[in-house]
C-alpha atoms as a PDB file:
ATOM      1  CA  MET A   1      -0.263 -25.315  20.033  1.00  0.00           C
ATOM      2  CA  ALA A   2      -1.680 -22.745  17.620  1.00  0.00           C
ATOM      3  CA  ASP A   3      -1.818 -20.075  20.369  1.00  0.00           C
ATOM      4  CA  LYS A   4       1.872 -20.563  21.193  1.00  0.00           C
ATOM      5  CA  LEU A   5       2.716 -20.481  17.478  1.00  0.00           C
ATOM      6  CA  ILE A   6       0.762 -17.250  16.932  1.00  0.00           C
ATOM      7  CA  GLU A   7       2.386 -15.678  20.009  1.00  0.00           C
ATOM      8  CA  THR A   8       5.859 -16.631  18.729  1.00  0.00           C
ATOM      9  CA  ILE A   9       5.140 -15.326  15.208  1.00  0.00           C
ATOM     10  CA  VAL A  10       3.798 -11.990  16.514  1.00  0.00           C
ATOM     11  CA  SER A  11       6.823 -11.633  18.781  1.00  0.00           C
ATOM     12  CA  ALA A  12       9.182 -12.279  15.836  1.00  0.00           C
ATOM     13  CA  ILE A  13       7.352  -9.663  13.737  1.00  0.00           C
ATOM     14  CA  GLU A  14       7.647  -7.144  16.589  1.00  0.00           C
ATOM     15  CA  ASP A  15      11.372  -7.931  16.899  1.00  0.00           C
ATOM     16  CA  LYS A  16      11.831  -6.830  13.266  1.00  0.00           C
ATOM     17  CA  LYS A  17       9.575  -3.760  13.645  1.00  0.00           C
ATOM     18  CA  GLY A  18       6.725  -5.092  11.493  1.00  0.00           C
ATOM     19  CA  LYS A  19       3.716  -2.768  11.394  1.00  0.00           C
ATOM     20  CA  ASN A  20      -0.050  -3.126  11.808  1.00  0.00           C
ATOM     21  CA  ILE A  21       0.046  -6.708  13.077  1.00  0.00           C
ATOM     22  CA  VAL A  22      -3.345  -8.422  13.142  1.00  0.00           C
ATOM     23  CA  THR A  23      -4.619 -11.966  13.453  1.00  0.00           C
ATOM     24  CA  LEU A  24      -7.787 -13.158  11.754  1.00  0.00           C
ATOM     25  CA  ASP A  25      -9.564 -16.164  13.237  1.00  0.00           C
ATOM     26  CA  LEU A  26     -10.825 -18.215  10.283  1.00  0.00           C
ATOM     27  CA  SER A  27     -11.798 -21.285  12.308  1.00  0.00           C
ATOM     28  CA  GLY A  28     -15.511 -20.546  11.899  1.00  0.00           C
ATOM     29  CA  PHE A  29     -15.399 -20.538   8.099  1.00  0.00           C
ATOM     30  CA  ASP A  30     -16.119 -23.655   6.065  1.00  0.00           C
ATOM     31  CA  GLY A  31     -13.410 -24.239   3.495  1.00  0.00           C
ATOM     32  CA  ALA A  32     -10.869 -21.835   5.014  1.00  0.00           C
ATOM     33  CA  ILE A  33      -7.344 -23.021   4.245  1.00  0.00           C
ATOM     34  CA  CYS A  34      -6.169 -22.572   7.834  1.00  0.00           C
ATOM     35  CA  SER A  35      -7.490 -21.534  11.241  1.00  0.00           C
ATOM     36  CA  THR A  36      -5.586 -18.241  11.550  1.00  0.00           C
ATOM     37  CA  PHE A  37      -4.032 -15.580   9.338  1.00  0.00           C
ATOM     38  CA  VAL A  38      -1.331 -13.362  10.817  1.00  0.00           C
ATOM     39  CA  VAL A  39      -0.935 -10.192   8.723  1.00  0.00           C
ATOM     40  CA  CYS A  40       1.621  -7.383   8.926  1.00  0.00           C
ATOM     41  CA  ASN A  41       3.468  -4.972   6.697  1.00  0.00           C
ATOM     42  CA  ALA A  42       6.827  -3.249   6.323  1.00  0.00           C
ATOM     43  CA  ASP A  43       8.008  -0.300   4.248  1.00  0.00           C
ATOM     44  CA  SER A  44      10.737  -2.053   2.232  1.00  0.00           C
ATOM     45  CA  THR A  45      11.309  -5.403   0.569  1.00  0.00           C
ATOM     46  CA  THR A  46      14.459  -5.751   2.684  1.00  0.00           C
ATOM     47  CA  GLN A  47      12.386  -5.457   5.862  1.00  0.00           C
ATOM     48  CA  VAL A  48       9.693  -7.841   4.516  1.00  0.00           C
ATOM     49  CA  ALA A  49      12.409 -10.458   3.898  1.00  0.00           C
ATOM     50  CA  ALA A  50      13.985  -9.800   7.316  1.00  0.00           C
ATOM     51  CA  ILE A  51      10.618 -10.324   9.051  1.00  0.00           C
ATOM     52  CA  ALA A  52      10.115 -13.634   7.224  1.00  0.00           C
ATOM     53  CA  ASP A  53      13.618 -14.789   8.181  1.00  0.00           C
ATOM     54  CA  GLY A  54      13.043 -13.694  11.770  1.00  0.00           C
ATOM     55  CA  ILE A  55       9.783 -15.638  12.012  1.00  0.00           C
ATOM     56  CA  GLU A  56      11.348 -18.769  10.561  1.00  0.00           C
ATOM     57  CA  GLU A  57      14.304 -18.586  12.983  1.00  0.00           C
ATOM     58  CA  LYS A  58      12.266 -17.781  16.105  1.00  0.00           C
ATOM     59  CA  VAL A  59       9.578 -20.440  15.499  1.00  0.00           C
ATOM     60  CA  LEU A  60      12.234 -23.090  14.857  1.00  0.00           C
ATOM     61  CA  GLU A  61      14.265 -22.006  17.894  1.00  0.00           C
ATOM     62  CA  THR A  62      11.296 -21.621  20.272  1.00  0.00           C
ATOM     63  CA  LEU A  63       8.940 -24.387  19.149  1.00  0.00           C
ATOM     64  CA  GLY A  64      11.107 -26.638  16.996  1.00  0.00           C
ATOM     65  CA  GLU A  65       8.601 -26.209  14.173  1.00  0.00           C
ATOM     66  CA  LYS A  66       9.656 -25.677  10.567  1.00  0.00           C
ATOM     67  CA  VAL A  67       7.701 -23.616   8.075  1.00  0.00           C
ATOM     68  CA  TRP A  68       5.888 -25.941   5.694  1.00  0.00           C
ATOM     69  CA  ARG A  69       6.058 -23.671   2.666  1.00  0.00           C
ATOM     70  CA  VAL A  70       7.135 -20.101   1.856  1.00  0.00           C
ATOM     71  CA  GLU A  71       6.061 -18.124  -1.219  1.00  0.00           C
ATOM     72  CA  GLY A  72       7.169 -14.713  -2.451  1.00  0.00           C
ATOM     73  CA  GLN A  73      10.766 -14.587  -1.228  1.00  0.00           C
ATOM     74  CA  GLN A  74      12.066 -13.811  -4.730  1.00  0.00           C
ATOM     75  CA  ASN A  75      10.640 -10.293  -4.830  1.00  0.00           C
ATOM     76  CA  ALA A  76       9.610  -9.849  -1.156  1.00  0.00           C
ATOM     77  CA  VAL A  77       6.623  -7.585  -1.843  1.00  0.00           C
ATOM     78  CA  TRP A  78       4.288 -10.195  -0.316  1.00  0.00           C
ATOM     79  CA  ILE A  79       5.658 -13.228   1.494  1.00  0.00           C
ATOM     80  CA  ALA A  80       3.262 -15.940   2.620  1.00  0.00           C
ATOM     81  CA  MET A  81       4.489 -18.469   5.191  1.00  0.00           C
ATOM     82  CA  ASP A  82       2.479 -21.642   5.719  1.00  0.00           C
ATOM     83  CA  TYR A  83       2.575 -23.245   9.168  1.00  0.00           C
ATOM     84  CA  VAL A  84      -0.438 -25.453   8.232  1.00  0.00           C
ATOM     85  CA  ASP A  85      -2.940 -24.118  10.831  1.00  0.00           C
ATOM     86  CA  VAL A  86      -1.446 -20.619  10.726  1.00  0.00           C
ATOM     87  CA  VAL A  87      -0.571 -18.694   7.559  1.00  0.00           C
ATOM     88  CA  VAL A  88       1.521 -15.529   7.851  1.00  0.00           C
ATOM     89  CA  HIS A  89       1.200 -12.729   5.275  1.00  0.00           C
ATOM     90  CA  ILE A  90       4.004 -10.146   5.263  1.00  0.00           C
ATOM     91  CA  PHE A  91       3.272  -7.328   2.844  1.00  0.00           C
ATOM     92  CA  GLN A  92       5.213  -4.371   1.605  1.00  0.00           C
ATOM     93  CA  THR A  93       2.975  -1.499   2.778  1.00  0.00           C
ATOM     94  CA  GLU A  94       1.668  -0.514  -0.696  1.00  0.00           C
ATOM     95  CA  MET A  95       0.768  -4.153  -1.465  1.00  0.00           C
ATOM     96  CA  ARG A  96      -1.169  -4.526   1.770  1.00  0.00           C
ATOM     97  CA  ASP A  97      -3.111  -1.352   0.979  1.00  0.00           C
ATOM     98  CA  PHE A  98      -3.819  -2.716  -2.517  1.00  0.00           C
ATOM     99  CA  TYR A  99      -4.903  -6.266  -1.620  1.00  0.00           C
ATOM    100  CA  ARG A 100      -6.730  -5.394   1.637  1.00  0.00           C
ATOM    101  CA  LEU A 101      -6.734  -8.987   2.807  1.00  0.00           C
ATOM    102  CA  GLU A 102      -8.548  -8.124   6.024  1.00  0.00           C
ATOM    103  CA  GLU A 103     -11.523  -6.839   4.016  1.00  0.00           C
ATOM    104  CA  LEU A 104     -11.845 -10.182   2.211  1.00  0.00           C
ATOM    105  CA  TRP A 105     -12.289 -11.809   5.628  1.00  0.00           C
ATOM    106  CA  ALA A 106     -14.245  -8.934   7.190  1.00  0.00           C
ATOM    107  CA  ASP A 107     -16.487 -11.326   9.178  1.00  0.00           C
ATOM    108  CA  ALA A 108     -13.496 -13.011  10.835  1.00  0.00           C
ATOM    109  CA  PRO A 109     -12.765 -12.098  14.463  1.00  0.00           C
ATOM    110  CA  MET A 110      -9.678  -9.831  14.431  1.00  0.00           C
ATOM    111  CA  VAL A 111      -7.049  -9.083  17.052  1.00  0.00           C
ATOM    112  CA  LYS A 112      -4.844  -6.008  16.573  1.00  0.00           C
ATOM    113  CA  TYR A 113      -1.429  -5.893  18.234  1.00  0.00           C
ATOM    114  CA  GLU A 114      -0.186  -2.496  19.323  1.00  0.00           C
ATOM    115  CA  TYR A 115       3.573  -2.292  19.195  1.00  0.00           C
ATOM    116  CA  GLU A 116       5.364   0.319  21.236  1.00  0.00           C
ATOM    117  CA  GLU A 117       8.749   1.523  19.941  1.00  0.00           C
END
């Protein structure tokens, strides 16, 4: 189920032109809050919010699964979406550069998605 969820989330991010999409496999880490992080960024808060909305709509439509919790929609500089086993982080580009989430989990296996315009 997680693979289908990740595939659907990545597809929704691509639909809204999200950038630098990666997944981090956290399943090998004791105490990790989920098995996978999906991380991307966008250049404006409007686009960050649109990506989050797009993910929520596509996952519900495709898999019938609702997001468990969403944080950060008020200012849309960093929205985190919790699908229990999969947590999605949508950053405004400057915030992603600042927090460097991937570096915190540098030992985690990473998959980069190349999006063609």
